[in-house]
Amino acid sequence: MALTANDTARFEASMPRLQAIAYRLLGSASDAEDAVQDTYLRWQAADTGRIEVPEAWLTKVLTNLCLNQLTSARARRETYVGQWLPEPLLAGDPMLGPADTAEQRESVSYAVLALMERLTPNERAVYVLREAFDYPHRQIAEILDISEPACQQIFHRAKKHVVDGRTRTEIDEAAARRIVEEFLTAATSGRTEPLVRLLTQDAIAIGDGGGKVPARAKAFEGARAVATFMRGMFKPGKAKRAIVGGSPEVYVSDANNAPAVVVVIDGRVIGVMCLEFTTEGIAAFRSQVNPDKLERATLRWAASDHGEPLLIAF
């Protein structure tokens, strides 16, 4: 069915919100784009004149498409090579969506996206729609074809899982940025102790190479193990330069609404390290180095003013 100009305009007005919902639900910008495109195809085939509230209709269609993707994604991730981590989004990416409240910023943080992988598809959908987009439970229940009391129960369970996974209090952005700079100085010092002092005792380091870039399948655990790994990772060497194709430029930038380390070679983002900051120190390093999950970051990087690198690695 051919869409009128008004129908097309209504969909385009909803696209930023749909993309932001899909990214939070799927943890992948490319999968989110596919889900929004499929939603458009269903909108195109629908009798739009009989749809009373287009926003609600589009949200329901998108959410159910994402739920289907989440179910199949769980099976795919069982055969994924190494650790699976979300696709990071750099500062200014419209897919990050609303960031007016602490809840909205938190819902798209890299740490929470990683934690949401533990939720069931329904828990994830309820959490995202309620916490990030403030949908009433009545509307979420209609979207998921469940009762309102069941929706409230699912939300409380999902939120408890997320809160329990993040028991420490985070610090403000300015302090976090200073800590990133201190971390890079310590990591390139060649000594372990300065790094250990910046970490929590139970710190972890995880990398996602997708089988295309070397990344340890098992996470490093504990301050000393993580510090030793980081010291070695930033140690100069010809072999490393040969592997990555040059001397990487290292920047302190923002990813998923928090300071992060962005590693670039010839304008191409080859790694994004998202840090989890707490009042006790850095609790986690989650590094995305799978090139398939950095294509959007590279496009965003080319379109942004990122200043001078903090250092040249290797």
C-alpha atoms as a PDB file:
ATOM      1  CA  MET A   1       0.000   0.000   0.000  1.00  0.00           C
ATOM      2  CA  ALA A   2       1.403   3.384  -1.018  1.00  0.00           C
ATOM      3  CA  LEU A   3       1.971   5.789   1.843  1.00  0.00           C
ATOM      4  CA  THR A   4       0.796   9.372   1.680  1.00  0.00           C
ATOM      5  CA  ALA A   5       3.243  12.190   2.320  1.00  0.00           C
ATOM      6  CA  ASN A   6       1.606  12.626   5.723  1.00  0.00           C
ATOM      7  CA  ASP A   7       2.072   8.927   6.578  1.00  0.00           C
ATOM      8  CA  THR A   8       5.752   9.105   5.633  1.00  0.00           C
ATOM      9  CA  ALA A   9       6.217  12.257   7.698  1.00  0.00           C
ATOM     10  CA  ARG A  10       4.582  10.607  10.719  1.00  0.00           C
ATOM     11  CA  PHE A  11       6.961   7.659  10.498  1.00  0.00           C
ATOM     12  CA  GLU A  12      10.022   9.861  10.018  1.00  0.00           C
ATOM     13  CA  ALA A  13       9.035  11.887  13.085  1.00  0.00           C
ATOM     14  CA  SER A  14       8.993   8.663  15.110  1.00  0.00           C
ATOM     15  CA  MET A  15      12.291   7.295  13.770  1.00  0.00           C
ATOM     16  CA  PRO A  16      14.681   8.794  16.365  1.00  0.00           C
ATOM     17  CA  ARG A  17      12.612   7.351  19.216  1.00  0.00           C
ATOM     18  CA  LEU A  18      12.229   3.979  17.488  1.00  0.00           C
ATOM     19  CA  GLN A  19      15.977   3.746  16.837  1.00  0.00           C
ATOM     20  CA  ALA A  20      16.801   4.628  20.448  1.00  0.00           C
ATOM     21  CA  ILE A  21      14.366   1.995  21.753  1.00  0.00           C
ATOM     22  CA  ALA A  22      15.688  -0.665  19.373  1.00  0.00           C
ATOM     23  CA  TYR A  23      19.326   0.016  20.276  1.00  0.00           C
ATOM     24  CA  ARG A  24      18.628  -0.333  23.994  1.00  0.00           C
ATOM     25  CA  LEU A  25      16.684  -3.535  23.387  1.00  0.00           C
ATOM     26  CA  LEU A  26      19.242  -5.156  21.073  1.00  0.00           C
ATOM     27  CA  GLY A  27      22.602  -3.646  22.064  1.00  0.00           C
ATOM     28  CA  SER A  28      23.464  -3.382  18.368  1.00  0.00           C
ATOM     29  CA  ALA A  29      23.109  -0.315  16.153  1.00  0.00           C
ATOM     30  CA  SER A  30      23.019  -2.363  12.945  1.00  0.00           C
ATOM     31  CA  ASP A  31      20.335  -4.691  14.323  1.00  0.00           C
ATOM     32  CA  ALA A  32      18.406  -1.641  15.554  1.00  0.00           C
ATOM     33  CA  GLU A  33      18.468  -0.127  12.060  1.00  0.00           C
ATOM     34  CA  ASP A  34      17.172  -3.405  10.609  1.00  0.00           C
ATOM     35  CA  ALA A  35      14.338  -3.511  13.163  1.00  0.00           C
ATOM     36  CA  VAL A  36      13.298   0.054  12.352  1.00  0.00           C
ATOM     37  CA  GLN A  37      13.403  -0.712   8.622  1.00  0.00           C
ATOM     38  CA  ASP A  38      11.179  -3.775   9.163  1.00  0.00           C
ATOM     39  CA  THR A  39       8.808  -1.589  11.186  1.00  0.00           C
ATOM     40  CA  TYR A  40       8.627   0.820   8.251  1.00  0.00           C
ATOM     41  CA  LEU A  41       7.757  -2.030   5.877  1.00  0.00           C
ATOM     42  CA  ARG A  42       4.878  -3.046   8.145  1.00  0.00           C
ATOM     43  CA  TRP A  43       3.746   0.577   8.373  1.00  0.00           C
ATOM     44  CA  GLN A  44       3.827   0.733   4.586  1.00  0.00           C
ATOM     45  CA  ALA A  45       1.668  -2.380   4.318  1.00  0.00           C
ATOM     46  CA  ALA A  46      -0.835  -1.299   6.989  1.00  0.00           C
ATOM     47  CA  ASP A  47      -4.139   0.512   6.571  1.00  0.00           C
ATOM     48  CA  THR A  48      -2.792   3.630   8.259  1.00  0.00           C
ATOM     49  CA  GLY A  49      -6.149   5.393   8.079  1.00  0.00           C
ATOM     50  CA  ARG A  50      -7.472   2.948  10.692  1.00  0.00           C
ATOM     51  CA  ILE A  51      -4.544   3.379  13.099  1.00  0.00           C
ATOM     52  CA  GLU A  52      -5.734   5.767  15.801  1.00  0.00           C
ATOM     53  CA  VAL A  53      -2.407   6.321  17.604  1.00  0.00           C
ATOM     54  CA  PRO A  54       0.527   5.829  15.195  1.00  0.00           C
ATOM     55  CA  GLU A  55       3.176   6.186  17.933  1.00  0.00           C
ATOM     56  CA  ALA A  56       1.651   3.350  19.977  1.00  0.00           C
ATOM     57  CA  TRP A  57       1.226   1.149  16.875  1.00  0.00           C
ATOM     58  CA  LEU A  58       4.799   1.689  15.724  1.00  0.00           C
ATOM     59  CA  THR A  59       6.210   1.071  19.209  1.00  0.00           C
ATOM     60  CA  LYS A  60       4.272  -2.181  19.523  1.00  0.00           C
ATOM     61  CA  VAL A  61       5.429  -3.440  16.118  1.00  0.00           C
ATOM     62  CA  LEU A  62       9.064  -2.447  16.765  1.00  0.00           C
ATOM     63  CA  THR A  63       9.141  -3.944  20.256  1.00  0.00           C
ATOM     64  CA  ASN A  64       7.793  -7.279  19.074  1.00  0.00           C
ATOM     65  CA  LEU A  65      10.276  -7.373  16.198  1.00  0.00           C
ATOM     66  CA  CYS A  66      13.066  -6.749  18.709  1.00  0.00           C
ATOM     67  CA  LEU A  67      11.732  -9.466  21.025  1.00  0.00           C
ATOM     68  CA  ASN A  68      11.908 -11.921  18.138  1.00  0.00           C
ATOM     69  CA  GLN A  69      15.482 -10.804  17.413  1.00  0.00           C
ATOM     70  CA  LEU A  70      16.470 -11.157  21.065  1.00  0.00           C
ATOM     71  CA  THR A  71      15.186 -14.732  21.147  1.00  0.00           C
ATOM     72  CA  SER A  72      17.196 -15.709  18.061  1.00  0.00           C
ATOM     73  CA  ALA A  73      20.217 -13.676  19.234  1.00  0.00           C
ATOM     74  CA  ARG A  74      20.507 -15.819  22.364  1.00  0.00           C
ATOM     75  CA  ALA A  75      20.987 -18.884  20.184  1.00  0.00           C
ATOM     76  CA  ARG A  76      23.538 -17.087  17.981  1.00  0.00           C
ATOM     77  CA  ARG A  77      25.547 -15.896  20.977  1.00  0.00           C
ATOM     78  CA  GLU A  78      25.978 -19.451  22.189  1.00  0.00           C
ATOM     79  CA  THR A  79      28.267 -19.983  19.184  1.00  0.00           C
ATOM     80  CA  TYR A  80      29.819 -16.484  19.253  1.00  0.00           C
ATOM     81  CA  VAL A  81      33.612 -16.550  19.411  1.00  0.00           C
ATOM     82  CA  GLY A  82      34.734 -15.220  22.797  1.00  0.00           C
ATOM     83  CA  GLN A  83      32.903 -12.637  24.890  1.00  0.00           C
ATOM     84  CA  TRP A  84      29.885 -10.829  23.416  1.00  0.00           C
ATOM     85  CA  LEU A  85      29.645  -7.103  24.225  1.00  0.00           C
ATOM     86  CA  PRO A  86      27.247  -4.420  22.933  1.00  0.00           C
ATOM     87  CA  GLU A  87      28.100  -2.078  20.087  1.00  0.00           C
ATOM     88  CA  PRO A  88      29.351   1.234  21.566  1.00  0.00           C
ATOM     89  CA  LEU A  89      27.955   4.570  20.390  1.00  0.00           C
ATOM     90  CA  LEU A  90      30.142   7.669  20.440  1.00  0.00           C
ATOM     91  CA  ALA A  91      29.083  11.096  21.694  1.00  0.00           C
ATOM     92  CA  GLY A  92      26.405  12.813  19.652  1.00  0.00           C
ATOM     93  CA  ASP A  93      25.066   9.670  18.017  1.00  0.00           C
ATOM     94  CA  PRO A  94      21.288  10.220  17.689  1.00  0.00           C
ATOM     95  CA  MET A  95      20.653   6.549  18.472  1.00  0.00           C
ATOM     96  CA  LEU A  96      21.665   7.245  22.083  1.00  0.00           C
ATOM     97  CA  GLY A  97      18.246   8.839  22.427  1.00  0.00           C
ATOM     98  CA  PRO A  98      16.979  10.989  25.307  1.00  0.00           C
ATOM     99  CA  ALA A  99      19.412  11.891  28.073  1.00  0.00           C
ATOM    100  CA  ASP A 100      17.398  14.393  30.094  1.00  0.00           C
ATOM    101  CA  THR A 101      17.151  12.281  33.237  1.00  0.00           C
ATOM    102  CA  ALA A 102      19.576  10.106  35.171  1.00  0.00           C
ATOM    103  CA  GLU A 103      17.421   7.072  34.344  1.00  0.00           C
ATOM    104  CA  GLN A 104      17.608   7.772  30.617  1.00  0.00           C
ATOM    105  CA  ARG A 105      21.386   8.208  30.696  1.00  0.00           C
ATOM    106  CA  GLU A 106      21.811   5.110  32.818  1.00  0.00           C
ATOM    107  CA  SER A 107      19.669   2.941  30.534  1.00  0.00           C
ATOM    108  CA  VAL A 108      22.084   3.419  27.633  1.00  0.00           C
ATOM    109  CA  SER A 109      25.311   3.219  29.629  1.00  0.00           C
ATOM    110  CA  TYR A 110      27.623   0.472  28.465  1.00  0.00           C
ATOM    111  CA  ALA A 111      27.596  -1.226  31.856  1.00  0.00           C
ATOM    112  CA  VAL A 112      23.795  -1.413  31.943  1.00  0.00           C
ATOM    113  CA  LEU A 113      23.580  -2.613  28.327  1.00  0.00           C
ATOM    114  CA  ALA A 114      25.952  -5.413  29.297  1.00  0.00           C
ATOM    115  CA  LEU A 115      23.888  -6.212  32.403  1.00  0.00           C
ATOM    116  CA  MET A 116      20.663  -6.293  30.392  1.00  0.00           C
ATOM    117  CA  GLU A 117      22.025  -9.298  28.520  1.00  0.00           C
ATOM    118  CA  ARG A 118      21.127 -11.267  31.654  1.00  0.00           C
ATOM    119  CA  LEU A 119      17.452 -10.280  31.440  1.00  0.00           C
ATOM    120  CA  THR A 120      14.766 -12.210  29.621  1.00  0.00           C
ATOM    121  CA  PRO A 121      13.470 -10.509  26.444  1.00  0.00           C
ATOM    122  CA  ASN A 122      10.268  -9.429  28.223  1.00  0.00           C
ATOM    123  CA  GLU A 123      12.213  -8.086  31.217  1.00  0.00           C
ATOM    124  CA  ARG A 124      14.448  -6.107  28.911  1.00  0.00           C
ATOM    125  CA  ALA A 125      11.508  -4.655  26.967  1.00  0.00           C
ATOM    126  CA  VAL A 126       9.622  -3.609  30.096  1.00  0.00           C
ATOM    127  CA  TYR A 127      12.745  -2.126  31.690  1.00  0.00           C
ATOM    128  CA  VAL A 128      13.667  -0.096  28.599  1.00  0.00           C
ATOM    129  CA  LEU A 129      10.183   1.211  27.849  1.00  0.00           C
ATOM    130  CA  ARG A 130       9.521   2.160  31.467  1.00  0.00           C
ATOM    131  CA  GLU A 131      12.938   3.354  32.670  1.00  0.00           C
ATOM    132  CA  ALA A 132      14.230   5.087  29.540  1.00  0.00           C
ATOM    133  CA  PHE A 133      11.042   6.263  27.849  1.00  0.00           C
ATOM    134  CA  ASP A 134       8.616   6.553  30.776  1.00  0.00           C
ATOM    135  CA  TYR A 135       5.849   4.567  29.134  1.00  0.00           C
ATOM    136  CA  PRO A 136       3.019   3.834  31.597  1.00  0.00           C
ATOM    137  CA  HIS A 137       2.643   0.222  32.664  1.00  0.00           C
ATOM    138  CA  ARG A 138      -0.795   0.110  31.048  1.00  0.00           C
ATOM    139  CA  GLN A 139       0.665   0.911  27.623  1.00  0.00           C
ATOM    140  CA  ILE A 140       3.624  -1.447  28.023  1.00  0.00           C
ATOM    141  CA  ALA A 141       1.199  -4.226  28.983  1.00  0.00           C
ATOM    142  CA  GLU A 142      -0.762  -3.590  25.791  1.00  0.00           C
ATOM    143  CA  ILE A 143       2.423  -3.659  23.704  1.00  0.00           C
ATOM    144  CA  LEU A 144       3.490  -7.012  25.190  1.00  0.00           C
ATOM    145  CA  ASP A 145      -0.034  -8.495  25.477  1.00  0.00           C
ATOM    146  CA  ILE A 146       0.259  -9.043  29.220  1.00  0.00           C
ATOM    147  CA  SER A 147      -1.684  -7.748  32.212  1.00  0.00           C
ATOM    148  CA  GLU A 148      -0.753  -4.481  33.903  1.00  0.00           C
ATOM    149  CA  PRO A 149       0.032  -6.180  37.256  1.00  0.00           C
ATOM    150  CA  ALA A 150       2.288  -8.653  35.397  1.00  0.00           C
ATOM    151  CA  CYS A 151       4.037  -5.736  33.706  1.00  0.00           C
ATOM    152  CA  GLN A 152       4.695  -4.051  37.055  1.00  0.00           C
ATOM    153  CA  GLN A 153       6.031  -7.310  38.474  1.00  0.00           C
ATOM    154  CA  ILE A 154       8.352  -7.833  35.504  1.00  0.00           C
ATOM    155  CA  PHE A 155       9.653  -4.263  35.804  1.00  0.00           C
ATOM    156  CA  HIS A 156      10.489  -4.587  39.498  1.00  0.00           C
ATOM    157  CA  ARG A 157      12.252  -7.892  38.837  1.00  0.00           C
ATOM    158  CA  ALA A 158      14.235  -6.459  35.917  1.00  0.00           C
ATOM    159  CA  LYS A 159      15.210  -3.331  37.828  1.00  0.00           C
ATOM    160  CA  LYS A 160      16.365  -5.424  40.788  1.00  0.00           C
ATOM    161  CA  HIS A 161      18.629  -7.459  38.478  1.00  0.00           C
ATOM    162  CA  VAL A 162      20.170  -4.256  37.098  1.00  0.00           C
ATOM    163  CA  VAL A 163      20.537  -2.561  40.490  1.00  0.00           C
ATOM    164  CA  ASP A 164      22.023  -5.679  42.080  1.00  0.00           C
ATOM    165  CA  GLY A 165      24.589  -5.780  39.289  1.00  0.00           C
ATOM    166  CA  ARG A 166      25.619  -2.208  40.005  1.00  0.00           C
ATOM    167  CA  THR A 167      25.895  -1.942  43.763  1.00  0.00           C
ATOM    168  CA  ARG A 168      28.421   0.915  43.873  1.00  0.00           C
ATOM    169  CA  THR A 169      27.805   4.636  43.512  1.00  0.00           C
ATOM    170  CA  GLU A 170      29.174   6.139  40.320  1.00  0.00           C
ATOM    171  CA  ILE A 171      31.115   9.410  40.152  1.00  0.00           C
ATOM    172  CA  ASP A 172      30.470  12.521  38.067  1.00  0.00           C
ATOM    173  CA  GLU A 173      31.684  12.898  34.487  1.00  0.00           C
ATOM    174  CA  ALA A 174      34.464  15.404  35.198  1.00  0.00           C
ATOM    175  CA  ALA A 175      36.005  13.119  37.831  1.00  0.00           C
ATOM    176  CA  ALA A 176      35.601  10.115  35.519  1.00  0.00           C
ATOM    177  CA  ARG A 177      37.447  11.913  32.721  1.00  0.00           C
ATOM    178  CA  ARG A 178      40.335  12.705  35.071  1.00  0.00           C
ATOM    179  CA  ILE A 179      40.504   9.050  36.072  1.00  0.00           C
ATOM    180  CA  VAL A 180      40.668   7.964  32.407  1.00  0.00           C
ATOM    181  CA  GLU A 181      43.645  10.273  31.904  1.00  0.00           C
ATOM    182  CA  GLU A 182      45.277   8.948  35.090  1.00  0.00           C
ATOM    183  CA  PHE A 183      44.655   5.405  33.893  1.00  0.00           C
ATOM    184  CA  LEU A 184      46.358   6.037  30.533  1.00  0.00           C
ATOM    185  CA  THR A 185      49.329   7.668  32.256  1.00  0.00           C
ATOM    186  CA  ALA A 186      49.637   4.695  34.601  1.00  0.00           C
ATOM    187  CA  ALA A 187      49.142   2.127  31.815  1.00  0.00           C
ATOM    188  CA  THR A 188      52.011   3.599  29.791  1.00  0.00           C
ATOM    189  CA  SER A 189      54.330   3.996  32.778  1.00  0.00           C
ATOM    190  CA  GLY A 190      55.500   0.392  32.520  1.00  0.00           C
ATOM    191  CA  ARG A 191      54.690  -0.203  36.193  1.00  0.00           C
ATOM    192  CA  THR A 192      51.855  -2.219  37.700  1.00  0.00           C
ATOM    193  CA  GLU A 193      51.376  -0.530  41.091  1.00  0.00           C
ATOM    194  CA  PRO A 194      50.062   2.830  39.803  1.00  0.00           C
ATOM    195  CA  LEU A 195      47.395   0.890  37.896  1.00  0.00           C
ATOM    196  CA  VAL A 196      46.442  -1.284  40.858  1.00  0.00           C
ATOM    197  CA  ARG A 197      45.775   1.834  42.934  1.00  0.00           C
ATOM    198  CA  LEU A 198      43.198   3.036  40.373  1.00  0.00           C
ATOM    199  CA  LEU A 199      41.194  -0.200  40.415  1.00  0.00           C
ATOM    200  CA  THR A 200      38.696  -1.832  42.749  1.00  0.00           C
ATOM    201  CA  GLN A 201      39.919  -5.101  44.228  1.00  0.00           C
ATOM    202  CA  ASP A 202      37.356  -7.068  42.183  1.00  0.00           C
ATOM    203  CA  ALA A 203      37.935  -5.190  38.923  1.00  0.00           C
ATOM    204  CA  ILE A 204      37.408  -7.067  35.652  1.00  0.00           C
ATOM    205  CA  ALA A 205      38.556  -6.612  32.047  1.00  0.00           C
ATOM    206  CA  ILE A 206      36.575  -8.068  29.137  1.00  0.00           C
ATOM    207  CA  GLY A 207      37.169  -7.805  25.397  1.00  0.00           C
ATOM    208  CA  ASP A 208      35.022  -8.600  22.362  1.00  0.00           C
ATOM    209  CA  GLY A 209      36.978  -9.426  19.219  1.00  0.00           C
ATOM    210  CA  GLY A 210      34.279 -11.528  17.583  1.00  0.00           C
ATOM    211  CA  GLY A 211      36.908 -13.979  16.410  1.00  0.00           C
ATOM    212  CA  LYS A 212      38.290 -11.334  14.050  1.00  0.00           C
ATOM    213  CA  VAL A 213      40.660  -9.530  16.418  1.00  0.00           C
ATOM    214  CA  PRO A 214      42.618 -11.251  19.219  1.00  0.00           C
ATOM    215  CA  ALA A 215      40.724 -10.960  22.512  1.00  0.00           C
ATOM    216  CA  ARG A 216      40.939 -13.244  25.529  1.00  0.00           C
ATOM    217  CA  ALA A 217      37.888 -15.510  25.760  1.00  0.00           C
ATOM    218  CA  LYS A 218      37.852 -15.343  29.563  1.00  0.00           C
ATOM    219  CA  ALA A 219      37.694 -12.094  31.541  1.00  0.00           C
ATOM    220  CA  PHE A 220      40.646 -10.953  33.656  1.00  0.00           C
ATOM    221  CA  GLU A 221      39.531 -10.745  37.281  1.00  0.00           C
ATOM    222  CA  GLY A 222      41.053  -8.919  40.242  1.00  0.00           C
ATOM    223  CA  ALA A 223      42.998  -5.658  40.430  1.00  0.00           C
ATOM    224  CA  ARG A 224      46.459  -7.146  39.973  1.00  0.00           C
ATOM    225  CA  ALA A 225      45.508  -9.405  37.064  1.00  0.00           C
ATOM    226  CA  VAL A 226      43.749  -6.529  35.294  1.00  0.00           C
ATOM    227  CA  ALA A 227      46.632  -4.116  35.962  1.00  0.00           C
ATOM    228  CA  THR A 228      49.188  -6.599  34.610  1.00  0.00           C
ATOM    229  CA  PHE A 229      47.101  -7.114  31.483  1.00  0.00           C
ATOM    230  CA  MET A 230      46.666  -3.375  30.900  1.00  0.00           C
ATOM    231  CA  ARG A 231      50.373  -2.693  31.409  1.00  0.00           C
ATOM    232  CA  GLY A 232      51.193  -5.335  28.810  1.00  0.00           C
ATOM    233  CA  MET A 233      48.553  -4.095  26.384  1.00  0.00           C
ATOM    234  CA  PHE A 234      50.030  -0.580  26.307  1.00  0.00           C
ATOM    235  CA  LYS A 235      53.651  -1.725  26.199  1.00  0.00           C
ATOM    236  CA  PRO A 236      55.293  -0.621  22.908  1.00  0.00           C
ATOM    237  CA  GLY A 237      56.303  -3.287  20.418  1.00  0.00           C
ATOM    238  CA  LYS A 238      56.868  -3.805  16.687  1.00  0.00           C
ATOM    239  CA  ALA A 239      54.700  -6.913  16.695  1.00  0.00           C
ATOM    240  CA  LYS A 240      51.718  -4.958  17.979  1.00  0.00           C
ATOM    241  CA  ARG A 241      52.160  -2.258  15.369  1.00  0.00           C
ATOM    242  CA  ALA A 242      52.270  -4.948  12.688  1.00  0.00           C
ATOM    243  CA  ILE A 243      49.060  -6.565  13.972  1.00  0.00           C
ATOM    244  CA  VAL A 244      47.002  -3.352  14.054  1.00  0.00           C
ATOM    245  CA  GLY A 245      48.630  -1.754  11.012  1.00  0.00           C
ATOM    246  CA  GLY A 246      50.440   1.175  12.586  1.00  0.00           C
ATOM    247  CA  SER A 247      50.793   3.250  15.749  1.00  0.00           C
ATOM    248  CA  PRO A 248      47.321   3.870  17.207  1.00  0.00           C
ATOM    249  CA  GLU A 249      46.243   7.304  18.400  1.00  0.00           C
ATOM    250  CA  VAL A 250      44.573   7.138  21.809  1.00  0.00           C
ATOM    251  CA  TYR A 251      41.869   9.644  22.734  1.00  0.00           C
ATOM    252  CA  VAL A 252      39.755  10.307  25.798  1.00  0.00           C
ATOM    253  CA  SER A 253      36.281  10.710  24.382  1.00  0.00           C
ATOM    254  CA  ASP A 254      32.693   9.759  25.261  1.00  0.00           C
ATOM    255  CA  ALA A 255      30.846   6.528  24.524  1.00  0.00           C
ATOM    256  CA  ASN A 256      27.345   5.721  25.733  1.00  0.00           C
ATOM    257  CA  ASN A 257      27.205   8.927  27.794  1.00  0.00           C
ATOM    258  CA  ALA A 258      30.426   8.323  29.743  1.00  0.00           C
ATOM    259  CA  PRO A 259      34.149   9.030  29.290  1.00  0.00           C
ATOM    260  CA  ALA A 260      35.885   6.257  27.349  1.00  0.00           C
ATOM    261  CA  VAL A 261      39.144   5.427  25.593  1.00  0.00           C
ATOM    262  CA  VAL A 262      38.919   5.528  21.795  1.00  0.00           C
ATOM    263  CA  VAL A 263      41.761   4.044  19.740  1.00  0.00           C
ATOM    264  CA  VAL A 264      42.130   5.194  16.122  1.00  0.00           C
ATOM    265  CA  ILE A 265      44.413   4.382  13.169  1.00  0.00           C
ATOM    266  CA  ASP A 266      44.203   6.531  10.031  1.00  0.00           C
ATOM    267  CA  GLY A 267      40.751   7.762  10.986  1.00  0.00           C
ATOM    268  CA  ARG A 268      39.411   4.257  11.611  1.00  0.00           C
ATOM    269  CA  VAL A 269      38.233   3.387  15.112  1.00  0.00           C
ATOM    270  CA  ILE A 270      39.851   0.074  16.028  1.00  0.00           C
ATOM    271  CA  GLY A 271      38.811  -0.054  19.663  1.00  0.00           C
ATOM    272  CA  VAL A 272      36.516   1.550  22.215  1.00  0.00           C
ATOM    273  CA  MET A 273      37.248   0.852  25.877  1.00  0.00           C
ATOM    274  CA  CYS A 274      34.315   1.664  28.151  1.00  0.00           C
ATOM    275  CA  LEU A 275      35.203   2.009  31.822  1.00  0.00           C
ATOM    276  CA  GLU A 276      32.880   1.543  34.773  1.00  0.00           C
ATOM    277  CA  PHE A 277      33.705   4.174  37.402  1.00  0.00           C
ATOM    278  CA  THR A 278      32.883   3.948  41.104  1.00  0.00           C
ATOM    279  CA  THR A 279      33.844   5.857  44.218  1.00  0.00           C
ATOM    280  CA  GLU A 280      36.227   2.994  45.073  1.00  0.00           C
ATOM    281  CA  GLY A 281      37.977   2.998  41.693  1.00  0.00           C
ATOM    282  CA  ILE A 282      37.570   1.579  38.201  1.00  0.00           C
ATOM    283  CA  ALA A 283      35.415  -1.539  38.474  1.00  0.00           C
ATOM    284  CA  ALA A 284      35.395  -2.747  34.887  1.00  0.00           C
ATOM    285  CA  PHE A 285      36.979  -2.341  31.462  1.00  0.00           C
ATOM    286  CA  ARG A 286      34.795  -3.470  28.554  1.00  0.00           C
ATOM    287  CA  SER A 287      36.664  -3.225  25.260  1.00  0.00           C
ATOM    288  CA  GLN A 288      34.979  -3.511  21.879  1.00  0.00           C
ATOM    289  CA  VAL A 289      37.503  -4.395  19.165  1.00  0.00           C
ATOM    290  CA  ASN A 290      35.302  -6.408  16.790  1.00  0.00           C
ATOM    291  CA  PRO A 291      35.538  -4.373  13.542  1.00  0.00           C
ATOM    292  CA  ASP A 292      31.938  -5.253  12.633  1.00  0.00           C
ATOM    293  CA  LYS A 293      30.769  -3.408  15.744  1.00  0.00           C
ATOM    294  CA  LEU A 294      32.923  -0.317  15.143  1.00  0.00           C
ATOM    295  CA  GLU A 295      31.782   0.746  11.670  1.00  0.00           C
ATOM    296  CA  ARG A 296      29.203   3.201  13.007  1.00  0.00           C
ATOM    297  CA  ALA A 297      31.732   4.545  15.538  1.00  0.00           C
ATOM    298  CA  THR A 298      34.189   5.204  12.693  1.00  0.00           C
ATOM    299  CA  LEU A 299      31.554   7.137  10.718  1.00  0.00           C
ATOM    300  CA  ARG A 300      30.670   9.166  13.812  1.00  0.00           C
ATOM    301  CA  TRP A 301      34.351   9.808  14.542  1.00  0.00           C
ATOM    302  CA  ALA A 302      34.923  11.180  11.037  1.00  0.00           C
ATOM    303  CA  ALA A 303      32.010  13.595  11.481  1.00  0.00           C
ATOM    304  CA  SER A 304      33.086  14.896  14.910  1.00  0.00           C
ATOM    305  CA  ASP A 305      35.681  17.302  16.282  1.00  0.00           C
ATOM    306  CA  HIS A 306      37.764  15.101  18.591  1.00  0.00           C
ATOM    307  CA  GLY A 307      40.853  17.239  19.138  1.00  0.00           C
ATOM    308  CA  GLU A 308      44.377  15.895  19.565  1.00  0.00           C
ATOM    309  CA  PRO A 309      45.195  12.380  20.822  1.00  0.00           C
ATOM    310  CA  LEU A 310      46.279  12.047  24.409  1.00  0.00           C
ATOM    311  CA  LEU A 311      49.053   9.701  23.332  1.00  0.00           C
ATOM    312  CA  ILE A 312      50.383   7.553  20.509  1.00  0.00           C
ATOM    313  CA  ALA A 313      50.387   3.908  21.596  1.00  0.00           C
ATOM    314  CA  PHE A 314      52.988   1.254  20.728  1.00  0.00           C
END
